[in-house]
């Protein structure tokens, strides 16, 4: 298991809890933000990786691909190898529940694969999904469902 300062996901979670969740506009070019993260114990290398991950997420958010209501997702061989069955089933379950659309599903898969070195597990997948939905316009209902799933899981893991 990685220590806090060695995890890109930990940087992303910190940013979500301390900046994004409070409806603060996140300026990824802000040197004070970088210093805050360093003071919190994160390595510059992982801060840079987290910022690149967020930039890519913003780029994906801006892409206007109309979702097809009749799409059927088949995972590639590489995706099957990198994303375990529990996570793949969870993604498909979120889509069946209406939490993910075909577009957000693809964004979640893409952004999860961007963090493959973190070790993909259900916890990472839930946080990636939460951050994808947070950055999507008109996804408030799906976001609130996902927040419940992520935060409920966090409370259960404490007990």
C-alpha atoms as a PDB file:
ATOM      1  CA  UNK A   1       0.000   0.000   0.000  1.00  0.00           C
ATOM      2  CA  UNK A   2       1.285   3.479  -0.870  1.00  0.00           C
ATOM      3  CA  UNK A   3       1.920   6.123   1.742  1.00  0.00           C
ATOM      4  CA  UNK A   4      -0.187   9.279   1.501  1.00  0.00           C
ATOM      5  CA  UNK A   5       2.524  11.350  -0.168  1.00  0.00           C
ATOM      6  CA  UNK A   6       3.138   8.630  -2.760  1.00  0.00           C
ATOM      7  CA  UNK A   7      -0.420   8.486  -4.069  1.00  0.00           C
ATOM      8  CA  UNK A   8      -1.833  10.600  -6.890  1.00  0.00           C
ATOM      9  CA  UNK A   9      -5.301   9.546  -5.739  1.00  0.00           C
ATOM     10  CA  UNK A  10      -4.579  11.036  -2.305  1.00  0.00           C
ATOM     11  CA  UNK A  11      -3.714  14.365  -3.936  1.00  0.00           C
ATOM     12  CA  UNK A  12      -6.965  14.242  -5.919  1.00  0.00           C
ATOM     13  CA  UNK A  13      -8.972  13.339  -2.813  1.00  0.00           C
ATOM     14  CA  UNK A  14      -7.364  16.199  -0.887  1.00  0.00           C
ATOM     15  CA  UNK A  15      -8.226  18.646  -3.672  1.00  0.00           C
ATOM     16  CA  UNK A  16     -11.792  17.366  -3.770  1.00  0.00           C
ATOM     17  CA  UNK A  17     -12.305  17.666  -0.019  1.00  0.00           C
ATOM     18  CA  UNK A  18     -10.558  20.998   0.454  1.00  0.00           C
ATOM     19  CA  UNK A  19     -11.367  22.869  -2.744  1.00  0.00           C
ATOM     20  CA  UNK A  20     -13.694  21.281  -5.283  1.00  0.00           C
ATOM     21  CA  UNK A  21     -16.398  20.062  -2.877  1.00  0.00           C
ATOM     22  CA  UNK A  22     -16.807  23.576  -1.489  1.00  0.00           C
ATOM     23  CA  UNK A  23     -17.613  24.925  -4.964  1.00  0.00           C
ATOM     24  CA  UNK A  24     -14.257  26.677  -5.057  1.00  0.00           C
ATOM     25  CA  UNK A  25     -12.916  27.199  -8.541  1.00  0.00           C
ATOM     26  CA  UNK A  26      -9.723  25.192  -8.768  1.00  0.00           C
ATOM     27  CA  UNK A  27      -6.865  27.060 -10.434  1.00  0.00           C
ATOM     28  CA  UNK A  28      -4.315  24.448 -11.440  1.00  0.00           C
ATOM     29  CA  UNK A  29      -1.772  27.177 -12.239  1.00  0.00           C
ATOM     30  CA  UNK A  30      -1.883  28.572  -8.692  1.00  0.00           C
ATOM     31  CA  UNK A  31       1.535  28.305  -7.025  1.00  0.00           C
ATOM     32  CA  UNK A  32      -0.091  28.749  -3.607  1.00  0.00           C
ATOM     33  CA  UNK A  33      -2.127  25.611  -4.242  1.00  0.00           C
ATOM     34  CA  UNK A  34       1.049  23.682  -5.072  1.00  0.00           C
ATOM     35  CA  UNK A  35       2.682  24.969  -1.884  1.00  0.00           C
ATOM     36  CA  UNK A  36      -0.404  24.010   0.138  1.00  0.00           C
ATOM     37  CA  UNK A  37      -0.208  20.473  -1.245  1.00  0.00           C
ATOM     38  CA  UNK A  38       3.522  20.240  -0.507  1.00  0.00           C
ATOM     39  CA  UNK A  39       2.870  21.462   3.042  1.00  0.00           C
ATOM     40  CA  UNK A  40       0.212  18.756   3.382  1.00  0.00           C
ATOM     41  CA  UNK A  41       2.923  16.166   2.662  1.00  0.00           C
ATOM     42  CA  UNK A  42       2.527  15.472  -1.045  1.00  0.00           C
ATOM     43  CA  UNK A  43       5.514  15.091  -3.385  1.00  0.00           C
ATOM     44  CA  UNK A  44       5.847  17.558  -6.281  1.00  0.00           C
ATOM     45  CA  UNK A  45       5.922  14.647  -8.749  1.00  0.00           C
ATOM     46  CA  UNK A  46       2.505  13.382  -7.631  1.00  0.00           C
ATOM     47  CA  UNK A  47       1.077  16.893  -7.480  1.00  0.00           C
ATOM     48  CA  UNK A  48       2.081  17.325 -11.128  1.00  0.00           C
ATOM     49  CA  UNK A  49       0.517  13.977 -12.056  1.00  0.00           C
ATOM     50  CA  UNK A  50      -2.715  14.919 -10.270  1.00  0.00           C
ATOM     51  CA  UNK A  51      -2.848  18.278 -12.066  1.00  0.00           C
ATOM     52  CA  UNK A  52      -2.289  16.581 -15.450  1.00  0.00           C
ATOM     53  CA  UNK A  53      -5.067  14.107 -14.586  1.00  0.00           C
ATOM     54  CA  UNK A  54      -7.442  16.988 -13.790  1.00  0.00           C
ATOM     55  CA  UNK A  55      -6.458  18.842 -16.995  1.00  0.00           C
ATOM     56  CA  UNK A  56      -7.246  15.721 -19.031  1.00  0.00           C
ATOM     57  CA  UNK A  57     -10.576  15.341 -17.220  1.00  0.00           C
ATOM     58  CA  UNK A  58     -11.446  18.939 -18.104  1.00  0.00           C
ATOM     59  CA  UNK A  59     -10.566  18.246 -21.751  1.00  0.00           C
ATOM     60  CA  UNK A  60     -12.825  15.176 -21.774  1.00  0.00           C
ATOM     61  CA  UNK A  61     -15.621  17.184 -20.156  1.00  0.00           C
ATOM     62  CA  UNK A  62     -15.472  19.730 -22.964  1.00  0.00           C
ATOM     63  CA  UNK A  63     -15.749  17.088 -25.704  1.00  0.00           C
ATOM     64  CA  UNK A  64     -19.276  17.090 -27.046  1.00  0.00           C
ATOM     65  CA  UNK A  65     -19.990  13.489 -27.932  1.00  0.00           C
ATOM     66  CA  UNK A  66     -23.721  12.825 -27.933  1.00  0.00           C
ATOM     67  CA  UNK A  67     -24.424   9.738 -25.842  1.00  0.00           C
ATOM     68  CA  UNK A  68     -26.134   6.886 -27.622  1.00  0.00           C
ATOM     69  CA  UNK A  69     -29.009   5.309 -25.771  1.00  0.00           C
ATOM     70  CA  UNK A  70     -28.409   2.024 -27.565  1.00  0.00           C
ATOM     71  CA  UNK A  71     -24.695   1.563 -26.910  1.00  0.00           C
ATOM     72  CA  UNK A  72     -23.336  -1.723 -25.626  1.00  0.00           C
ATOM     73  CA  UNK A  73     -19.965  -1.706 -23.882  1.00  0.00           C
ATOM     74  CA  UNK A  74     -17.455  -4.448 -24.558  1.00  0.00           C
ATOM     75  CA  UNK A  75     -14.235  -4.109 -22.604  1.00  0.00           C
ATOM     76  CA  UNK A  76     -11.034  -4.462 -24.607  1.00  0.00           C
ATOM     77  CA  UNK A  77      -8.474  -7.129 -23.735  1.00  0.00           C
ATOM     78  CA  UNK A  78      -6.253  -4.460 -22.195  1.00  0.00           C
ATOM     79  CA  UNK A  79      -9.108  -3.066 -20.092  1.00  0.00           C
ATOM     80  CA  UNK A  80      -9.985  -6.570 -18.882  1.00  0.00           C
ATOM     81  CA  UNK A  81      -6.367  -7.084 -17.900  1.00  0.00           C
ATOM     82  CA  UNK A  82      -6.055  -3.729 -16.093  1.00  0.00           C
ATOM     83  CA  UNK A  83      -9.518  -3.316 -14.534  1.00  0.00           C
ATOM     84  CA  UNK A  84     -10.648  -6.263 -12.416  1.00  0.00           C
ATOM     85  CA  UNK A  85     -14.064  -7.898 -12.756  1.00  0.00           C
ATOM     86  CA  UNK A  86     -15.408  -6.260  -9.589  1.00  0.00           C
ATOM     87  CA  UNK A  87     -14.629  -2.796 -10.964  1.00  0.00           C
ATOM     88  CA  UNK A  88     -15.954  -3.570 -14.454  1.00  0.00           C
ATOM     89  CA  UNK A  89     -19.202  -4.873 -12.979  1.00  0.00           C
ATOM     90  CA  UNK A  90     -19.460  -1.797 -10.768  1.00  0.00           C
ATOM     91  CA  UNK A  91     -19.124   0.500 -13.789  1.00  0.00           C
ATOM     92  CA  UNK A  92     -21.854  -1.386 -15.633  1.00  0.00           C
ATOM     93  CA  UNK A  93     -24.042  -1.379 -12.512  1.00  0.00           C
ATOM     94  CA  UNK A  94     -23.705   2.407 -12.211  1.00  0.00           C
ATOM     95  CA  UNK A  95     -24.772   2.722 -15.824  1.00  0.00           C
ATOM     96  CA  UNK A  96     -27.790   0.440 -15.339  1.00  0.00           C
ATOM     97  CA  UNK A  97     -28.809   2.578 -12.325  1.00  0.00           C
ATOM     98  CA  UNK A  98     -28.613   5.723 -14.440  1.00  0.00           C
ATOM     99  CA  UNK A  99     -25.728   7.188 -12.446  1.00  0.00           C
ATOM    100  CA  UNK A 100     -23.428   6.939 -15.470  1.00  0.00           C
ATOM    101  CA  UNK A 101     -24.307   7.692 -19.066  1.00  0.00           C
ATOM    102  CA  UNK A 102     -22.378   6.129 -21.950  1.00  0.00           C
ATOM    103  CA  UNK A 103     -20.308   9.340 -22.113  1.00  0.00           C
ATOM    104  CA  UNK A 104     -19.496   9.481 -18.396  1.00  0.00           C
ATOM    105  CA  UNK A 105     -18.856   5.714 -18.354  1.00  0.00           C
ATOM    106  CA  UNK A 106     -16.160   6.166 -21.001  1.00  0.00           C
ATOM    107  CA  UNK A 107     -14.686   9.096 -19.081  1.00  0.00           C
ATOM    108  CA  UNK A 108     -14.557   6.995 -15.899  1.00  0.00           C
ATOM    109  CA  UNK A 109     -12.818   4.139 -17.726  1.00  0.00           C
ATOM    110  CA  UNK A 110     -10.337   6.510 -19.362  1.00  0.00           C
ATOM    111  CA  UNK A 111      -9.543   8.392 -16.157  1.00  0.00           C
ATOM    112  CA  UNK A 112      -9.249   5.137 -14.199  1.00  0.00           C
ATOM    113  CA  UNK A 113      -6.706   3.836 -16.696  1.00  0.00           C
ATOM    114  CA  UNK A 114      -4.785   7.110 -16.288  1.00  0.00           C
ATOM    115  CA  UNK A 115      -4.264   6.085 -12.641  1.00  0.00           C
ATOM    116  CA  UNK A 116      -3.344   2.475 -13.390  1.00  0.00           C
ATOM    117  CA  UNK A 117      -0.075   2.793 -11.437  1.00  0.00           C
ATOM    118  CA  UNK A 118      -2.121   3.533  -8.309  1.00  0.00           C
ATOM    119  CA  UNK A 119      -3.521  -0.003  -8.359  1.00  0.00           C
ATOM    120  CA  UNK A 120      -7.103  -0.015  -9.583  1.00  0.00           C
ATOM    121  CA  UNK A 121      -9.571  -1.142  -6.950  1.00  0.00           C
ATOM    122  CA  UNK A 122     -13.177  -0.329  -6.114  1.00  0.00           C
ATOM    123  CA  UNK A 123     -12.206   2.578  -3.856  1.00  0.00           C
ATOM    124  CA  UNK A 124     -10.158   4.258  -6.597  1.00  0.00           C
ATOM    125  CA  UNK A 125     -12.935   3.651  -9.113  1.00  0.00           C
ATOM    126  CA  UNK A 126     -15.540   5.249  -6.840  1.00  0.00           C
ATOM    127  CA  UNK A 127     -13.405   8.354  -6.358  1.00  0.00           C
ATOM    128  CA  UNK A 128     -12.681   8.631 -10.077  1.00  0.00           C
ATOM    129  CA  UNK A 129     -16.407   8.338 -10.788  1.00  0.00           C
ATOM    130  CA  UNK A 130     -17.186  10.989  -8.193  1.00  0.00           C
ATOM    131  CA  UNK A 131     -14.664  13.405  -9.709  1.00  0.00           C
ATOM    132  CA  UNK A 132     -15.887  12.766 -13.257  1.00  0.00           C
ATOM    133  CA  UNK A 133     -19.494  13.460 -12.274  1.00  0.00           C
ATOM    134  CA  UNK A 134     -18.466  16.505 -10.242  1.00  0.00           C
ATOM    135  CA  UNK A 135     -16.940  18.035 -13.365  1.00  0.00           C
ATOM    136  CA  UNK A 136     -19.885  17.278 -15.648  1.00  0.00           C
ATOM    137  CA  UNK A 137     -22.618  19.864 -16.131  1.00  0.00           C
ATOM    138  CA  UNK A 138     -26.187  18.696 -15.517  1.00  0.00           C
ATOM    139  CA  UNK A 139     -25.153  15.634 -13.500  1.00  0.00           C
ATOM    140  CA  UNK A 140     -26.261  16.862 -10.065  1.00  0.00           C
ATOM    141  CA  UNK A 141     -28.593  13.922  -9.393  1.00  0.00           C
ATOM    142  CA  UNK A 142     -26.016  11.326 -10.430  1.00  0.00           C
ATOM    143  CA  UNK A 143     -23.389  13.197  -8.416  1.00  0.00           C
ATOM    144  CA  UNK A 144     -25.499  13.134  -5.251  1.00  0.00           C
ATOM    145  CA  UNK A 145     -26.036   9.365  -5.659  1.00  0.00           C
ATOM    146  CA  UNK A 146     -22.314   8.838  -6.151  1.00  0.00           C
ATOM    147  CA  UNK A 147     -21.413  11.059  -3.193  1.00  0.00           C
ATOM    148  CA  UNK A 148     -23.663   8.885  -1.045  1.00  0.00           C
ATOM    149  CA  UNK A 149     -21.994   5.701  -2.316  1.00  0.00           C
ATOM    150  CA  UNK A 150     -18.467   7.040  -1.790  1.00  0.00           C
ATOM    151  CA  UNK A 151     -19.056   8.704   1.565  1.00  0.00           C
ATOM    152  CA  UNK A 152     -21.132   5.770   2.862  1.00  0.00           C
ATOM    153  CA  UNK A 153     -18.274   3.441   1.953  1.00  0.00           C
ATOM    154  CA  UNK A 154     -15.777   5.725   3.731  1.00  0.00           C
ATOM    155  CA  UNK A 155     -17.842   5.623   6.931  1.00  0.00           C
ATOM    156  CA  UNK A 156     -18.257   1.835   6.725  1.00  0.00           C
ATOM    157  CA  UNK A 157     -14.507   1.325   6.308  1.00  0.00           C
ATOM    158  CA  UNK A 158     -13.866   3.268   9.531  1.00  0.00           C
ATOM    159  CA  UNK A 159     -16.073   0.908  11.594  1.00  0.00           C
END
